Amino acid sequence: MSFLKEFKEFAMRGNVMDLAVGVIIGAAFGKIVSSLVADVIMPPLGMLLGGVDFTSLKLTLAPPIDGMKGATLNYGNFIQAMVDFIIVAFAIFMMVKGLNTLKRRMEPPAQDAPPPVPADVALLTEIRDLLRARQA
């Protein structure tokens, strides 16, 4: 089998194509969530906290010297990324929860397994079988 033919079979498998679609949709969803956080959620939150712009929050480690950029610790961007992550994680959790609920509804009800035999009944059954074996 040629290398190209083998690669084509691999790439056209259902799971690989599903994964590719999931990655593309996930990237687009991530952009939507980032915009939601940056443009809709953070401005009112910053206003409630006294007019804070989270993206401008930083700690200067070294000031700019001779036209070179200074070193800063941009913790505001980190806060914004954390909010992005929490929203994406919650959305994915809700989606998976919904899919699991739908899957459970579509599955036929499981047959009830017989209840386990209590230990004392099992012991008496074993004694009975030993007595029968002795008599035979």
C-alpha atoms as a PDB file:
ATOM      1  CA  MET A   1       0.000   0.000   0.000  1.00  0.00           C
ATOM      2  CA  SER A   2       1.438   3.360  -0.957  1.00  0.00           C
ATOM      3  CA  PHE A   3       2.155   6.025   1.630  1.00  0.00           C
ATOM      4  CA  LEU A   4      -0.344   8.479   0.101  1.00  0.00           C
ATOM      5  CA  LYS A   5      -3.122   5.893  -0.037  1.00  0.00           C
ATOM      6  CA  GLU A   6      -2.521   4.929   3.592  1.00  0.00           C
ATOM      7  CA  PHE A   7      -2.521   8.600   4.630  1.00  0.00           C
ATOM      8  CA  LYS A   8      -5.785   9.187   2.725  1.00  0.00           C
ATOM      9  CA  GLU A   9      -7.450   6.276   4.542  1.00  0.00           C
ATOM     10  CA  PHE A  10      -6.226   7.636   7.869  1.00  0.00           C
ATOM     11  CA  ALA A  11      -7.388  11.187   7.157  1.00  0.00           C
ATOM     12  CA  MET A  12     -10.811  10.122   5.914  1.00  0.00           C
ATOM     13  CA  ARG A  13     -11.691   8.008   8.942  1.00  0.00           C
ATOM     14  CA  GLY A  14     -14.803   9.181  10.732  1.00  0.00           C
ATOM     15  CA  ASN A  15     -13.047   9.832  14.045  1.00  0.00           C
ATOM     16  CA  VAL A  16     -10.326  11.969  12.466  1.00  0.00           C
ATOM     17  CA  MET A  17     -12.856  14.049  10.550  1.00  0.00           C
ATOM     18  CA  ASP A  18     -15.000  14.454  13.682  1.00  0.00           C
ATOM     19  CA  LEU A  19     -11.941  15.580  15.609  1.00  0.00           C
ATOM     20  CA  ALA A  20     -11.022  18.105  12.910  1.00  0.00           C
ATOM     21  CA  VAL A  21     -14.536  19.547  12.918  1.00  0.00           C
ATOM     22  CA  GLY A  22     -14.473  19.692  16.725  1.00  0.00           C
ATOM     23  CA  VAL A  23     -11.153  21.543  16.763  1.00  0.00           C
ATOM     24  CA  ILE A  24     -12.357  24.093  14.191  1.00  0.00           C
ATOM     25  CA  ILE A  25     -15.644  24.690  16.010  1.00  0.00           C
ATOM     26  CA  GLY A  26     -13.794  24.840  19.332  1.00  0.00           C
ATOM     27  CA  ALA A  27     -11.454  27.520  18.007  1.00  0.00           C
ATOM     28  CA  ALA A  28     -14.381  29.583  16.757  1.00  0.00           C
ATOM     29  CA  PHE A  29     -16.195  29.089  20.060  1.00  0.00           C
ATOM     30  CA  GLY A  30     -13.065  30.204  21.911  1.00  0.00           C
ATOM     31  CA  LYS A  31     -12.999  33.436  19.896  1.00  0.00           C
ATOM     32  CA  ILE A  32     -16.657  34.066  20.685  1.00  0.00           C
ATOM     33  CA  VAL A  33     -16.083  33.486  24.386  1.00  0.00           C
ATOM     34  CA  SER A  34     -12.989  35.709  24.373  1.00  0.00           C
ATOM     35  CA  SER A  35     -15.005  38.496  22.796  1.00  0.00           C
ATOM     36  CA  LEU A  36     -17.847  37.943  25.270  1.00  0.00           C
ATOM     37  CA  VAL A  37     -15.452  38.213  28.192  1.00  0.00           C
ATOM     38  CA  ALA A  38     -13.371  41.116  26.850  1.00  0.00           C
ATOM     39  CA  ASP A  39     -16.211  43.176  25.382  1.00  0.00           C
ATOM     40  CA  VAL A  40     -19.287  42.327  27.452  1.00  0.00           C
ATOM     41  CA  ILE A  41     -18.391  40.897  30.875  1.00  0.00           C
ATOM     42  CA  MET A  42     -15.145  42.623  31.888  1.00  0.00           C
ATOM     43  CA  PRO A  43     -16.128  46.277  31.187  1.00  0.00           C
ATOM     44  CA  PRO A  44     -19.126  46.256  33.586  1.00  0.00           C
ATOM     45  CA  LEU A  45     -17.117  44.220  36.099  1.00  0.00           C
ATOM     46  CA  GLY A  46     -14.302  46.759  35.890  1.00  0.00           C
ATOM     47  CA  MET A  47     -16.824  49.581  36.294  1.00  0.00           C
ATOM     48  CA  LEU A  48     -18.266  47.936  39.393  1.00  0.00           C
ATOM     49  CA  LEU A  49     -14.742  47.659  40.824  1.00  0.00           C
ATOM     50  CA  GLY A  50     -14.063  51.369  40.364  1.00  0.00           C
ATOM     51  CA  GLY A  51     -13.310  51.785  36.661  1.00  0.00           C
ATOM     52  CA  VAL A  52     -10.604  49.113  36.413  1.00  0.00           C
ATOM     53  CA  ASP A  53      -9.529  47.978  32.932  1.00  0.00           C
ATOM     54  CA  PHE A  54      -8.311  44.450  33.528  1.00  0.00           C
ATOM     55  CA  THR A  55      -6.144  44.307  30.407  1.00  0.00           C
ATOM     56  CA  SER A  56      -4.103  47.265  31.650  1.00  0.00           C
ATOM     57  CA  LEU A  57      -3.384  45.756  35.072  1.00  0.00           C
ATOM     58  CA  LYS A  58       0.325  45.017  35.283  1.00  0.00           C
ATOM     59  CA  LEU A  59       3.233  45.094  37.641  1.00  0.00           C
ATOM     60  CA  THR A  60       6.377  46.786  36.337  1.00  0.00           C
ATOM     61  CA  LEU A  61       9.416  44.637  37.050  1.00  0.00           C
ATOM     62  CA  ALA A  62      11.959  46.817  35.214  1.00  0.00           C
ATOM     63  CA  PRO A  63      11.330  50.287  33.743  1.00  0.00           C
ATOM     64  CA  PRO A  64      12.038  50.989  30.061  1.00  0.00           C
ATOM     65  CA  ILE A  65      15.686  51.828  29.449  1.00  0.00           C
ATOM     66  CA  ASP A  66      17.142  53.564  26.356  1.00  0.00           C
ATOM     67  CA  GLY A  67      14.042  53.031  24.208  1.00  0.00           C
ATOM     68  CA  MET A  68      13.804  49.330  25.071  1.00  0.00           C
ATOM     69  CA  LYS A  69      10.554  47.973  26.389  1.00  0.00           C
ATOM     70  CA  GLY A  70      10.393  47.460  30.149  1.00  0.00           C
ATOM     71  CA  ALA A  71       9.616  44.149  31.798  1.00  0.00           C
ATOM     72  CA  THR A  72       6.060  43.855  33.111  1.00  0.00           C
ATOM     73  CA  LEU A  73       3.989  41.164  34.739  1.00  0.00           C
ATOM     74  CA  ASN A  74       0.596  41.436  32.960  1.00  0.00           C
ATOM     75  CA  TYR A  75      -1.665  39.845  35.548  1.00  0.00           C
ATOM     76  CA  GLY A  76      -4.753  41.610  34.124  1.00  0.00           C
ATOM     77  CA  ASN A  77      -4.484  39.540  30.954  1.00  0.00           C
ATOM     78  CA  PHE A  78      -4.157  36.448  33.123  1.00  0.00           C
ATOM     79  CA  ILE A  79      -7.374  37.335  35.007  1.00  0.00           C
ATOM     80  CA  GLN A  80      -9.157  37.793  31.689  1.00  0.00           C
ATOM     81  CA  ALA A  81      -7.837  34.447  30.396  1.00  0.00           C
ATOM     82  CA  MET A  82      -9.044  32.747  33.607  1.00  0.00           C
ATOM     83  CA  VAL A  83     -12.548  34.158  33.111  1.00  0.00           C
ATOM     84  CA  ASP A  84     -12.419  32.954  29.485  1.00  0.00           C
ATOM     85  CA  PHE A  85     -11.440  29.478  30.669  1.00  0.00           C
ATOM     86  CA  ILE A  86     -14.161  29.311  33.320  1.00  0.00           C
ATOM     87  CA  ILE A  87     -16.843  30.277  30.805  1.00  0.00           C
ATOM     88  CA  VAL A  88     -15.596  27.788  28.195  1.00  0.00           C
ATOM     89  CA  ALA A  89     -15.303  25.011  30.805  1.00  0.00           C
ATOM     90  CA  PHE A  90     -18.825  25.725  32.078  1.00  0.00           C
ATOM     91  CA  ALA A  91     -20.259  25.745  28.549  1.00  0.00           C
ATOM     92  CA  ILE A  92     -18.556  22.443  27.715  1.00  0.00           C
ATOM     93  CA  PHE A  93     -19.725  20.948  31.019  1.00  0.00           C
ATOM     94  CA  MET A  94     -23.319  21.958  30.257  1.00  0.00           C
ATOM     95  CA  MET A  95     -23.068  20.533  26.732  1.00  0.00           C
ATOM     96  CA  VAL A  96     -21.656  17.197  27.941  1.00  0.00           C
ATOM     97  CA  LYS A  97     -24.233  17.046  30.728  1.00  0.00           C
ATOM     98  CA  GLY A  98     -27.021  17.612  28.203  1.00  0.00           C
ATOM     99  CA  LEU A  99     -25.646  14.968  25.857  1.00  0.00           C
ATOM    100  CA  ASN A 100     -25.350  12.454  28.706  1.00  0.00           C
ATOM    101  CA  THR A 101     -28.939  13.152  29.760  1.00  0.00           C
ATOM    102  CA  LEU A 102     -30.138  12.694  26.192  1.00  0.00           C
ATOM    103  CA  LYS A 103     -28.115   9.484  25.858  1.00  0.00           C
ATOM    104  CA  ARG A 104     -29.616   8.063  29.075  1.00  0.00           C
ATOM    105  CA  ARG A 105     -33.136   8.818  27.825  1.00  0.00           C
ATOM    106  CA  MET A 106     -32.489   7.035  24.549  1.00  0.00           C
ATOM    107  CA  GLU A 107     -31.024   3.882  26.133  1.00  0.00           C
ATOM    108  CA  PRO A 108     -33.451   1.079  26.886  1.00  0.00           C
ATOM    109  CA  PRO A 109     -34.000   0.525  30.588  1.00  0.00           C
ATOM    110  CA  ALA A 110     -31.516  -1.928  32.053  1.00  0.00           C
ATOM    111  CA  GLN A 111     -32.771  -5.294  33.213  1.00  0.00           C
ATOM    112  CA  ASP A 112     -32.746  -5.502  36.980  1.00  0.00           C
ATOM    113  CA  ALA A 113     -30.126  -7.937  38.190  1.00  0.00           C
ATOM    114  CA  PRO A 114     -31.233 -10.367  40.864  1.00  0.00           C
ATOM    115  CA  PRO A 115     -30.351  -9.138  44.340  1.00  0.00           C
ATOM    116  CA  PRO A 116     -27.206 -10.667  45.840  1.00  0.00           C
ATOM    117  CA  VAL A 117     -27.699 -13.707  48.046  1.00  0.00           C
ATOM    118  CA  PRO A 118     -27.159 -12.908  51.744  1.00  0.00           C
ATOM    119  CA  ALA A 119     -24.106 -14.564  53.312  1.00  0.00           C
ATOM    120  CA  ASP A 120     -26.100 -16.716  55.739  1.00  0.00           C
ATOM    121  CA  VAL A 121     -28.314 -18.087  52.955  1.00  0.00           C
ATOM    122  CA  ALA A 122     -25.242 -18.863  50.834  1.00  0.00           C
ATOM    123  CA  LEU A 123     -23.645 -20.692  53.757  1.00  0.00           C
ATOM    124  CA  LEU A 124     -26.805 -22.746  54.403  1.00  0.00           C
ATOM    125  CA  THR A 125     -27.031 -23.620  50.706  1.00  0.00           C
ATOM    126  CA  GLU A 126     -23.418 -24.807  50.749  1.00  0.00           C
ATOM    127  CA  ILE A 127     -24.058 -26.958  53.852  1.00  0.00           C
ATOM    128  CA  ARG A 128     -27.133 -28.459  52.202  1.00  0.00           C
ATOM    129  CA  ASP A 129     -25.184 -29.321  49.068  1.00  0.00           C
ATOM    130  CA  LEU A 130     -22.398 -30.961  51.150  1.00  0.00           C
ATOM    131  CA  LEU A 131     -24.932 -33.067  53.053  1.00  0.00           C
ATOM    132  CA  ARG A 132     -26.534 -34.213  49.808  1.00  0.00           C
ATOM    133  CA  ALA A 133     -23.119 -35.116  48.415  1.00  0.00           C
ATOM    134  CA  ARG A 134     -22.399 -37.241  51.519  1.00  0.00           C
ATOM    135  CA  GLN A 135     -25.655 -39.144  51.235  1.00  0.00           C
ATOM    136  CA  ALA A 136     -25.080 -39.976  47.581  1.00  0.00           C
END
